[in-house]
Every structure is written in C-alpha cells, then in structure tokens.
Protein backbone atom coordinates (compact mmCIF):
# COMPACT_ATOMS: atom_id res chain seq x y z
CA MET A 1 -14.44 21.31 0.41
CA SER A 2 -14.64 17.57 1.02
CA GLY A 3 -14.75 17.81 4.81
CA TYR A 4 -11.75 15.43 4.96
CA GLU A 5 -8.21 16.04 6.12
CA LEU A 6 -5.23 13.91 5.19
CA GLU A 7 -4.98 12.56 8.74
CA SER A 8 -8.48 11.10 8.49
CA LEU A 9 -7.68 9.00 5.42
CA PRO A 10 -6.46 5.45 6.09
CA GLY A 11 -3.12 4.41 4.67
CA VAL A 12 -4.35 0.88 3.97
CA PHE A 13 -7.72 0.02 2.45
CA PRO A 14 -9.39 -2.40 0.02
CA ILE A 15 -9.50 -1.80 -3.71
CA PHE A 16 -12.28 -2.63 -6.14
CA PRO A 17 -10.79 -3.12 -9.63
CA LEU A 18 -13.53 -2.34 -12.15
CA SER A 19 -12.85 -1.47 -15.78
CA GLY A 20 -14.62 1.62 -17.08
CA ALA A 21 -15.85 2.66 -13.62
CA LEU A 22 -14.64 6.14 -12.76
CA LEU A 23 -14.88 7.72 -9.32
CA LEU A 24 -13.72 11.32 -8.95
CA PRO A 25 -13.40 13.53 -5.86
CA ASN A 26 -16.86 14.79 -4.86
CA GLY A 27 -18.48 12.45 -7.38
CA HIS A 28 -21.10 9.83 -6.52
CA LEU A 29 -20.82 6.26 -7.80
CA PRO A 30 -23.67 3.77 -7.19
CA LEU A 31 -22.54 0.14 -7.04
CA ASN A 32 -24.43 -3.16 -7.03
CA ILE A 33 -22.31 -5.55 -4.93
CA PHE A 34 -23.01 -9.27 -5.40
CA GLU A 35 -19.72 -11.20 -5.61
CA PRO A 36 -18.89 -12.89 -2.27
CA ARG A 37 -15.42 -11.29 -2.05
CA TYR A 38 -16.84 -7.82 -2.53
CA LEU A 39 -19.70 -8.47 -0.14
CA ALA A 40 -17.01 -9.27 2.44
CA MET A 41 -15.09 -6.15 1.43
CA THR A 42 -18.16 -3.97 1.91
CA ARG A 43 -18.99 -5.50 5.29
CA ASP A 44 -15.44 -4.95 6.50
CA ALA A 45 -15.36 -1.38 5.17
CA MET A 46 -18.61 -0.59 6.98
CA ARG A 47 -16.99 -1.70 10.25
CA THR A 48 -14.02 0.68 9.81
CA GLU A 49 -13.56 3.96 7.91
CA ARG A 50 -16.02 3.01 5.12
CA ILE A 51 -13.27 3.67 2.56
CA ILE A 52 -12.95 1.68 -0.68
CA GLY A 53 -10.47 2.46 -3.43
CA MET A 54 -11.88 2.41 -6.96
CA ILE A 55 -9.21 1.56 -9.51
CA GLN A 56 -9.17 0.24 -13.06
CA PRO A 57 -7.51 -2.96 -14.28
CA VAL A 58 -4.86 -2.49 -16.93
CA GLY A 59 -3.17 -4.79 -19.41
CA PRO A 60 -4.04 -8.44 -20.08
CA ASP A 61 -7.12 -10.10 -18.63
CA THR A 62 -5.42 -12.14 -15.93
CA SER A 63 -6.44 -13.10 -12.41
CA PRO A 64 -5.81 -11.07 -10.40
CA PRO A 65 -5.57 -8.34 -13.02
CA PRO A 66 -2.83 -5.74 -12.76
CA VAL A 67 -4.22 -2.31 -11.95
CA TYR A 68 -3.31 1.28 -12.76
CA LYS A 69 -1.08 3.00 -10.23
CA THR A 70 -3.66 5.72 -9.53
CA GLY A 71 -7.22 5.38 -8.22
CA CYS A 72 -9.72 7.30 -6.11
CA ALA A 73 -10.73 6.59 -2.54
CA GLY A 74 -14.46 6.75 -1.89
CA ARG A 75 -16.47 6.68 1.30
CA ILE A 76 -19.63 4.58 1.57
CA THR A 77 -22.31 7.23 2.10
CA ASN A 78 -25.34 5.07 1.41
CA PHE A 79 -25.87 1.37 2.10
CA ARG A 80 -28.82 -0.95 1.53
CA GLU A 81 -29.11 -4.73 1.62
CA THR A 82 -31.54 -6.37 -0.80
CA ASP A 83 -33.74 -9.39 -0.12
CA ASP A 84 -31.46 -11.57 -2.27
CA GLY A 85 -28.33 -10.64 -0.33
CA ARG A 86 -26.83 -7.96 -2.56
CA TYR A 87 -25.55 -4.63 -1.26
CA LEU A 88 -26.53 -1.43 -3.00
CA ILE A 89 -24.03 1.23 -2.00
CA ASN A 90 -23.07 4.73 -3.00
CA LEU A 91 -19.45 5.80 -2.92
CA THR A 92 -18.63 9.49 -2.61
CA GLY A 93 -15.20 10.33 -3.96
CA VAL A 94 -12.81 11.78 -1.38
CA CYS A 95 -9.27 11.90 -2.77
CA ARG A 96 -7.16 10.26 -5.45
CA PHE A 97 -4.22 8.08 -4.44
CA ASP A 98 -1.11 6.42 -5.78
CA VAL A 99 -0.58 2.73 -5.05
CA LEU A 100 2.59 2.29 -3.01
CA GLU A 101 2.26 -1.48 -2.77
CA GLU A 102 -0.30 -4.25 -2.87
CA LEU A 103 -0.38 -6.16 0.39
CA ASP A 104 -0.24 -9.90 0.92
CA VAL A 105 -3.50 -10.41 2.81
CA ALA A 106 -5.76 -13.24 3.90
CA THR A 107 -8.94 -11.42 2.89
CA PRO A 108 -10.68 -12.54 -0.33
CA TYR A 109 -10.43 -8.97 -1.65
CA ARG A 110 -7.29 -7.03 -2.48
CA GLN A 111 -5.79 -4.34 -0.24
CA ILE A 112 -3.17 -1.70 -0.92
CA ARG A 113 -1.00 0.79 0.88
CA ALA A 114 -1.74 4.22 -0.57
CA ASP A 115 -0.09 7.60 -0.83
CA PHE A 116 -2.36 10.68 -1.08
CA GLU A 117 0.38 13.32 -1.07
CA ARG A 118 0.23 14.04 -4.81
CA PHE A 119 -3.49 14.79 -4.65
CA LEU A 120 -3.99 16.86 -1.51
CA ASP A 121 -5.67 19.57 -3.60
CA ASP A 122 -8.59 17.15 -4.00
CA LEU A 123 -9.50 17.93 -0.39
CA ASP A 124 -9.92 21.64 -1.21
CA PRO A 125 -10.05 21.90 -5.01
CA GLN A 126 -9.64 25.13 -6.95
CA PRO A 127 -12.65 25.89 -9.18
CA PRO A 128 -12.20 25.51 -12.93
CA SER A 129 -11.97 28.53 -15.19
CA PRO A 130 -15.47 29.80 -16.11
CA GLY A 131 -14.20 30.19 -19.68
CA LEU A 132 -14.26 26.39 -20.06
CA ARG A 133 -18.05 26.23 -19.98
CA ASP A 134 -18.93 27.38 -23.50
CA GLY A 135 -16.43 25.12 -25.26
CA LEU A 136 -17.38 22.16 -23.07
CA LEU A 137 -21.11 22.59 -23.66
CA ASP A 138 -20.61 22.95 -27.40
CA ALA A 139 -18.54 19.74 -27.49
CA VAL A 140 -21.08 17.91 -25.30
CA ARG A 141 -23.96 18.90 -27.58
CA ARG A 142 -22.14 17.70 -30.70
CA TYR A 143 -21.14 14.44 -28.97
CA PHE A 144 -24.69 13.79 -27.77
CA ASP A 145 -26.11 14.57 -31.22
CA THR A 146 -23.63 12.19 -32.88
CA HIS A 147 -24.43 9.36 -30.47
CA GLN A 148 -28.16 10.17 -30.25
CA ILE A 149 -28.05 10.71 -26.49
CA SER A 150 -30.96 12.64 -25.01
CA ALA A 151 -30.28 15.11 -22.21
CA ASP A 152 -31.96 17.64 -19.95
CA TRP A 153 -30.23 20.68 -21.41
CA ASP A 154 -31.83 23.09 -18.96
CA ALA A 155 -30.29 21.12 -16.10
CA ILE A 156 -26.93 20.87 -17.87
CA HIS A 157 -26.78 24.63 -18.50
CA ALA A 158 -27.82 25.37 -14.90
CA ALA A 159 -25.32 22.99 -13.28
CA PRO A 160 -22.29 24.50 -11.50
CA LEU A 161 -19.20 23.91 -13.63
CA PRO A 162 -17.23 21.78 -11.10
CA GLY A 163 -20.15 19.36 -10.66
CA LEU A 164 -20.84 19.33 -14.39
CA ILE A 165 -17.25 18.35 -15.22
CA THR A 166 -17.27 15.62 -12.56
CA SER A 167 -20.68 14.19 -13.53
CA LEU A 168 -20.03 14.16 -17.28
CA ALA A 169 -16.60 12.57 -16.82
CA MET A 170 -18.05 9.79 -14.66
CA ILE A 171 -21.21 8.91 -16.62
CA CYS A 172 -20.19 9.20 -20.26
CA PRO A 173 -19.12 5.96 -22.02
CA PHE A 174 -15.47 6.69 -22.65
CA GLU A 175 -12.81 4.01 -23.07
CA PRO A 176 -10.99 2.85 -19.89
CA SER A 177 -7.77 4.64 -20.94
CA GLU A 178 -9.77 7.82 -21.49
CA LYS A 179 -11.39 7.44 -18.08
CA GLN A 180 -7.92 7.10 -16.61
CA ALA A 181 -6.82 10.28 -18.36
CA LEU A 182 -9.73 12.10 -16.73
CA LEU A 183 -8.85 10.65 -13.33
CA GLU A 184 -5.19 11.63 -13.60
CA ALA A 185 -5.79 15.18 -14.83
CA PRO A 186 -4.02 17.30 -12.20
CA SER A 187 -6.88 19.77 -11.57
CA LEU A 188 -10.53 20.44 -12.34
CA ASP A 189 -9.38 22.95 -14.93
CA ALA A 190 -7.21 20.35 -16.64
CA ARG A 191 -9.95 17.73 -16.36
CA GLY A 192 -12.37 20.11 -18.05
CA ARG A 193 -9.96 20.55 -20.95
CA VAL A 194 -9.38 16.79 -21.29
CA LEU A 195 -13.14 16.22 -21.14
CA THR A 196 -13.77 18.79 -23.86
CA THR A 197 -11.16 17.13 -26.07
CA LEU A 198 -12.71 13.69 -25.52
CA PHE A 199 -16.15 14.99 -26.47
CA GLU A 200 -14.72 16.68 -29.57
CA MET A 201 -12.96 13.47 -30.65
CA GLY A 202 -16.04 11.37 -29.83
CA ALA A 203 -18.22 13.60 -31.98
CA THR A 204 -16.00 12.80 -34.99
CA GLY A 205 -15.28 9.16 -34.16
CA GLY A 206 -11.72 9.80 -32.95
CA SER A 207 -9.90 8.19 -30.03
CA GLN A 208 -6.61 8.91 -28.30
CA ASP A 209 -4.72 7.93 -25.15
CA LEU A 210 -4.68 11.17 -23.14
CA ARG A 211 -3.26 9.88 -19.86
CA HIS A 212 -0.79 12.23 -18.23
C-alpha cells in the first residue's frame, strides 16, 4: 500500500526529464539537483504537494526534448541543502501517469497535466507470483557474472520479491528504451517477467525494445 489515494494526487505538476533514470511505484530515487531550473522546481514542489514527475526524453536531442507519454510521480521524502547550494533529495515513487498535455508555463521548468487512471493499481499493487523468483535470480546471477558486477547475494536472496523487482529494475544499467519497458509493464508480475528477459538478454549481449 502506498498510503495515497487518487484524490490526493495533483493533476498538474512539474516533470524532470532524465534519460536512463527510472522511478517506479514504491521505489526510492536519490537525486543531486544543481541546475537553476530544477532548483526552482524543487523549491516550488516543497511548498506544495512535494510531487515531481520523473519521465524520460525520447527521440532526437533537442531543447526542450520530447518525452515519453508515461512517467512516474514521486514524492520528495528527503531533502537536504548542501553548502554549495545543491539540493540532495530522495523521491519515493507513488503512481505512474500518462501525459495529457504539456502546459505553457512561465516557470523555468516544464509542467504537465497528468492522468493516473490507467495505473490506479499502483496505489495498491498485487504481489508478483512467487514462481518468478528462481528464474529471476538465475538470470541476475548470469548477468552479474557476465558484467563482473559484485553483489550481496545473501541480501538479494532474502529480499521480498516486490522490492527486489523494483530495486533491480531501477539500479541496473539498462538502455533507456528498456527502462521504459519496465516502467510501462502493467503489473509487478509483468515487470518481473520483463526484467528476467532483460537480464537473460544482457547475459548474452542481446538487446531488444520491449516497451508495451
């Protein structure tokens, strides 16, 4: 349970386009904020609902870059200002959203009108099938061995499956399109299957666009 209800989520909020950065419901994303426009975004978010939408750019490298139509709203759950004026924040994922429209605003950061209806299950997600664990762990081990990634295997084996799927999806260095496929997977069960496939392909050097 996220502790959120649909009525508590704002319909309009800022977005932070960041390639390769994946925020998932109930996940935790640390961010180092230093650009003036995003410092302003963070200050303004702290004064209101503390909601920021993480979303990936897509297509050509233009300014402002076009973004995917689906992102994830996160709430600032930790905030610290450094001596050199940066903000160190932690976003906790609340619910995915579809972009209805980008607004014409005077703020230096971008804002969108969002629709959460397609992702209401994020607020009370169904647990993934326990049968996913063995295949996922086998694929993770082979992927880590291939890429010479060290891991605390005792902690990995002990982790609850929902948190394991979310953490691995967020921290592993997949391509932006693969991150988007993980974000858009309709359920934790589906995300676990996509994640297993990505690890299997990564262990053999393969790549594929798995977005739904």
